[in-house]
């Protein structure tokens, strides 16, 4: 029976207003949630367990504040919740994050890993393939449907349509929305999640090679121009052609 791992990430709510304070993003008043695509990964992992048995461990990387998204995953139905972190790390780049998660997956004994195709905050989409590379496992990305009939059959985009990919052995699968319907937690799950114990582990990470120096919003757009009446048509056409370059 498979030991299934699903990665979850703590991200700002997609409806939150992001504020830049000085040269940094101010997230002090932001509500934090599971990255939306990770919810599809949780659902797929649970379906895998229901079809093949085994257990599902939700894994995240971050400080103690990230425990909430793990407990949210527990309320949905995962068996174990694990956080990988070391207070000495500081800010990790993508290489460090992927290395730490790959190390943690090895410690957990994971055999199949599911995660969202991309995180709502960075949108990089590199975590799943990066972990697969470090583990030496197969990688299937942007999966929109998964069937478990004697194995894993994943539907992924391909040139001109979609491809059905048979997955055998260890693999990292990143999940898109597709036909996957996410289940909601029930009252029993929520109550069990409140009492759940988060397993905290450390991992080996390489030295950071990328550092964020500063952050700033793009320049403000100039005020728009408003024209009324047919007499303005020629001027509007000229501006659309010569200034806006849209005609």
Protein backbone atom coordinates (compact mmCIF):
# COMPACT_ATOMS: atom_id res chain seq x y z
CA UNK A 1 0.00 0.00 0.00
CA UNK A 2 1.47 3.35 -1.02
CA UNK A 3 2.91 5.95 1.31
CA UNK A 4 1.44 9.07 -0.30
CA UNK A 5 2.70 12.61 0.35
CA UNK A 6 0.82 15.76 -0.62
CA UNK A 7 2.57 19.12 -0.49
CA UNK A 8 0.63 22.10 0.82
CA UNK A 9 1.76 25.71 0.91
CA UNK A 10 0.63 28.60 3.09
CA UNK A 11 -0.16 31.58 0.84
CA UNK A 12 -2.03 34.88 1.19
CA UNK A 13 -5.73 34.65 0.41
CA UNK A 14 -6.16 35.39 -3.29
CA UNK A 15 -8.72 38.08 -2.38
CA UNK A 16 -6.33 39.84 0.02
CA UNK A 17 -5.06 43.35 -0.67
CA UNK A 18 -1.26 43.28 -0.79
CA UNK A 19 0.50 46.36 0.54
CA UNK A 20 4.13 47.37 -0.05
CA UNK A 21 5.64 49.11 2.98
CA UNK A 22 9.02 50.61 2.21
CA UNK A 23 10.94 48.04 0.18
CA UNK A 24 9.02 45.01 1.52
CA UNK A 25 5.57 43.49 1.11
CA UNK A 26 3.53 43.97 4.30
CA UNK A 27 1.59 40.78 4.99
CA UNK A 28 0.77 41.49 8.64
CA UNK A 29 -2.99 41.84 8.05
CA UNK A 30 -3.36 39.17 5.39
CA UNK A 31 -5.44 35.99 5.84
CA UNK A 32 -3.43 32.86 5.04
CA UNK A 33 -4.87 29.81 3.27
CA UNK A 34 -3.86 26.61 1.45
CA UNK A 35 -2.71 27.48 -2.06
CA UNK A 36 -5.77 26.73 -4.25
CA UNK A 37 -4.09 24.24 -6.61
CA UNK A 38 -2.84 22.33 -3.57
CA UNK A 39 -6.49 21.60 -2.72
CA UNK A 40 -6.75 19.64 -5.98
CA UNK A 41 -3.59 17.77 -4.99
CA UNK A 42 -5.11 16.87 -1.60
CA UNK A 43 -8.23 15.54 -3.28
CA UNK A 44 -6.21 13.46 -5.75
CA UNK A 45 -4.05 12.04 -2.96
CA UNK A 46 -7.16 11.05 -0.99
CA UNK A 47 -8.66 9.38 -4.06
CA UNK A 48 -5.40 7.46 -4.51
CA UNK A 49 -5.62 6.22 -0.91
CA UNK A 50 -9.27 5.23 -1.33
CA UNK A 51 -8.40 3.21 -4.45
CA UNK A 52 -5.14 1.59 -3.32
CA UNK A 53 -5.02 1.86 0.47
CA UNK A 54 -2.01 3.25 2.28
CA UNK A 55 -1.82 6.63 4.01
CA UNK A 56 -1.61 10.31 3.08
CA UNK A 57 0.81 12.71 4.76
CA UNK A 58 0.42 16.45 4.19
CA UNK A 59 3.82 18.13 4.16
CA UNK A 60 4.64 21.83 4.26
CA UNK A 61 7.74 23.95 4.70
CA UNK A 62 7.65 26.95 7.00
CA UNK A 63 7.63 28.26 10.58
CA UNK A 64 5.01 27.41 13.21
CA UNK A 65 2.47 29.74 11.59
CA UNK A 66 2.22 27.21 8.73
CA UNK A 67 0.65 24.65 11.08
CA UNK A 68 -2.79 26.08 10.24
CA UNK A 69 -2.74 24.94 6.62
CA UNK A 70 -1.64 21.48 7.76
CA UNK A 71 -4.61 21.31 10.14
CA UNK A 72 -6.87 22.50 7.32
CA UNK A 73 -5.56 19.55 5.26
CA UNK A 74 -6.14 17.24 8.24
CA UNK A 75 -9.76 18.42 8.44
CA UNK A 76 -10.22 17.44 4.79
CA UNK A 77 -9.01 13.90 5.49
CA UNK A 78 -5.23 13.38 5.37
CA UNK A 79 -3.78 10.94 7.92
CA UNK A 80 -0.58 12.66 9.06
CA UNK A 81 0.64 16.27 9.03
CA UNK A 82 4.33 17.16 8.93
CA UNK A 83 6.19 20.46 8.80
CA UNK A 84 9.84 20.77 7.79
CA UNK A 85 11.69 23.74 9.22
CA UNK A 86 14.77 24.94 11.06
CA UNK A 87 14.89 28.41 12.64
CA UNK A 88 18.50 28.78 11.52
CA UNK A 89 17.56 28.71 7.84
CA UNK A 90 16.40 32.26 7.36
CA UNK A 91 14.96 32.98 3.90
CA UNK A 92 15.30 30.08 1.47
CA UNK A 93 15.48 30.33 -2.31
CA UNK A 94 13.75 27.80 -4.59
CA UNK A 95 16.80 25.53 -4.59
CA UNK A 96 16.80 25.40 -0.80
CA UNK A 97 13.03 24.86 -0.60
CA UNK A 98 13.04 22.01 -3.10
CA UNK A 99 16.09 20.40 -1.48
CA UNK A 100 14.51 20.56 1.98
CA UNK A 101 11.22 19.10 0.76
CA UNK A 102 12.97 16.31 -1.14
CA UNK A 103 14.96 15.46 2.00
CA UNK A 104 11.77 15.48 4.09
CA UNK A 105 9.96 13.21 1.62
CA UNK A 106 12.83 10.76 1.96
CA UNK A 107 12.58 10.89 5.75
CA UNK A 108 8.84 10.27 5.61
CA UNK A 109 9.33 7.38 3.20
CA UNK A 110 7.05 8.87 0.56
CA UNK A 111 6.52 6.84 -2.61
CA UNK A 112 4.20 9.13 -4.59
CA UNK A 113 4.00 12.91 -4.21
CA UNK A 114 1.13 15.19 -5.25
CA UNK A 115 1.26 18.98 -5.27
CA UNK A 116 -0.42 21.93 -6.96
CA UNK A 117 0.83 22.87 -10.42
CA UNK A 118 1.84 26.29 -9.10
CA UNK A 119 1.59 28.35 -5.91
CA UNK A 120 -0.79 31.29 -5.71
CA UNK A 121 1.89 33.66 -4.41
CA UNK A 122 4.92 33.01 -6.65
CA UNK A 123 3.33 31.30 -9.66
CA UNK A 124 6.68 29.71 -10.55
CA UNK A 125 5.48 26.12 -11.01
CA UNK A 126 8.98 24.75 -10.34
CA UNK A 127 8.51 22.93 -7.03
CA UNK A 128 7.08 19.63 -8.30
CA UNK A 129 9.52 19.10 -11.18
CA UNK A 130 12.40 20.36 -9.01
CA UNK A 131 11.67 17.83 -6.28
CA UNK A 132 11.32 15.04 -8.85
CA UNK A 133 14.75 15.96 -10.23
CA UNK A 134 16.34 15.85 -6.78
CA UNK A 135 14.71 12.51 -5.93
CA UNK A 136 15.42 10.99 -9.34
CA UNK A 137 11.71 10.24 -9.79
CA UNK A 138 9.31 10.51 -12.72
CA UNK A 139 7.50 13.85 -13.08
CA UNK A 140 4.05 14.48 -14.58
CA UNK A 141 2.89 18.10 -14.62
CA UNK A 142 -0.43 19.97 -14.90
CA UNK A 143 -2.53 16.83 -14.47
CA UNK A 144 -6.26 17.47 -14.88
CA UNK A 145 -7.56 13.98 -14.05
CA UNK A 146 -6.17 10.85 -12.43
CA UNK A 147 -7.58 7.30 -12.50
CA UNK A 148 -6.44 4.48 -10.23
CA UNK A 149 -7.15 1.19 -11.99
CA UNK A 150 -4.29 -1.11 -11.09
CA UNK A 151 -1.92 1.87 -11.13
CA UNK A 152 -1.90 5.59 -11.84
CA UNK A 153 -3.25 6.89 -15.17
CA UNK A 154 -2.80 10.66 -15.35
CA UNK A 155 -4.33 12.97 -17.94
CA UNK A 156 -1.96 15.81 -18.81
CA UNK A 157 -1.94 18.46 -21.56
CA UNK A 158 -0.15 17.62 -24.79
CA UNK A 159 0.24 19.31 -28.14
CA UNK A 160 -3.14 19.25 -29.86
CA UNK A 161 -5.05 17.86 -26.87
CA UNK A 162 -4.42 15.69 -23.84
CA UNK A 163 -2.28 12.64 -23.13
CA UNK A 164 -3.00 9.74 -20.79
CA UNK A 165 0.20 8.82 -18.99
CA UNK A 166 0.68 5.52 -17.14
CA UNK A 167 2.80 6.13 -14.05
CA UNK A 168 4.71 3.28 -12.42
CA UNK A 169 7.14 3.48 -9.55
CA UNK A 170 7.96 6.68 -7.67
CA UNK A 171 6.60 9.92 -9.14
CA UNK A 172 5.84 13.56 -8.43
CA UNK A 173 2.51 14.66 -9.92
CA UNK A 174 1.43 18.30 -10.08
CA UNK A 175 -2.32 18.91 -10.21
CA UNK A 176 -4.42 21.36 -12.18
CA UNK A 177 -8.15 21.96 -11.70
CA UNK A 178 -9.58 19.89 -14.54
CA UNK A 179 -12.34 17.51 -13.49
CA UNK A 180 -11.07 17.17 -9.91
CA UNK A 181 -13.82 18.10 -7.43
CA UNK A 182 -12.45 19.13 -4.03
CA UNK A 183 -14.23 17.72 -0.98
CA UNK A 184 -15.00 19.95 2.00
CA UNK A 185 -14.20 19.22 5.64
CA UNK A 186 -17.02 18.00 7.88
CA UNK A 187 -17.55 18.81 11.56
CA UNK A 188 -15.83 15.62 12.73
CA UNK A 189 -12.80 16.35 10.57
CA UNK A 190 -12.54 19.91 11.85
CA UNK A 191 -12.70 18.78 15.47
CA UNK A 192 -10.06 16.08 14.91
CA UNK A 193 -7.81 18.60 13.15
CA UNK A 194 -7.88 20.94 16.14
CA UNK A 195 -6.39 18.19 18.32
CA UNK A 196 -3.97 16.87 15.69
CA UNK A 197 -0.25 16.84 16.42
CA UNK A 198 2.06 18.38 13.82
CA UNK A 199 5.25 16.39 13.29
CA UNK A 200 8.17 18.81 12.94
CA UNK A 201 11.37 17.69 11.20
CA UNK A 202 14.50 19.37 9.88
CA UNK A 203 16.32 18.77 6.62
CA UNK A 204 19.58 19.53 4.85
CA UNK A 205 19.57 22.63 2.64
CA UNK A 206 22.27 24.21 0.45
CA UNK A 207 23.41 27.78 0.93
CA UNK A 208 21.10 30.34 -0.68
CA UNK A 209 22.18 31.55 -4.10
CA UNK A 210 19.35 34.07 -4.63
CA UNK A 211 18.40 36.92 -2.26
CA UNK A 212 15.53 39.41 -2.60
CA UNK A 213 17.15 42.85 -2.41
CA UNK A 214 14.00 44.99 -2.58
CA UNK A 215 10.40 45.01 -3.78
CA UNK A 216 8.41 47.86 -5.28
CA UNK A 217 5.12 48.27 -7.16
CA UNK A 218 5.11 49.13 -10.86
CA UNK A 219 4.84 52.82 -11.76
CA UNK A 220 1.33 54.26 -11.59
CA UNK A 221 -0.51 54.44 -14.87
CA UNK A 222 -1.25 57.94 -16.21
CA UNK A 223 -4.80 59.22 -15.95
CA UNK A 224 -7.11 58.16 -18.75
CA UNK A 225 -8.54 60.44 -21.41
CA UNK A 226 -12.24 60.83 -22.05
CA UNK A 227 -13.88 61.99 -25.26
CA UNK A 228 -17.54 62.56 -26.11
CA UNK A 229 -19.38 63.19 -29.35
CA UNK A 230 -18.72 62.42 -32.97
CA UNK A 231 -16.47 65.44 -33.41
CA UNK A 232 -13.79 63.63 -31.36
CA UNK A 233 -13.73 60.52 -33.57
CA UNK A 234 -10.76 61.58 -35.69
CA UNK A 235 -8.66 62.52 -32.64
CA UNK A 236 -9.57 59.26 -30.86
CA UNK A 237 -8.61 57.23 -33.91
CA UNK A 238 -5.31 59.09 -34.15
CA UNK A 239 -4.51 58.43 -30.46
CA UNK A 240 -5.43 54.74 -30.75
CA UNK A 241 -3.14 54.41 -33.74
CA UNK A 242 -0.18 56.58 -32.77
CA UNK A 243 -0.18 56.51 -28.95
CA UNK A 244 -1.88 53.29 -27.89
CA UNK A 245 -0.73 51.30 -30.96
CA UNK A 246 -3.95 49.25 -31.00
CA UNK A 247 -5.07 49.96 -34.56
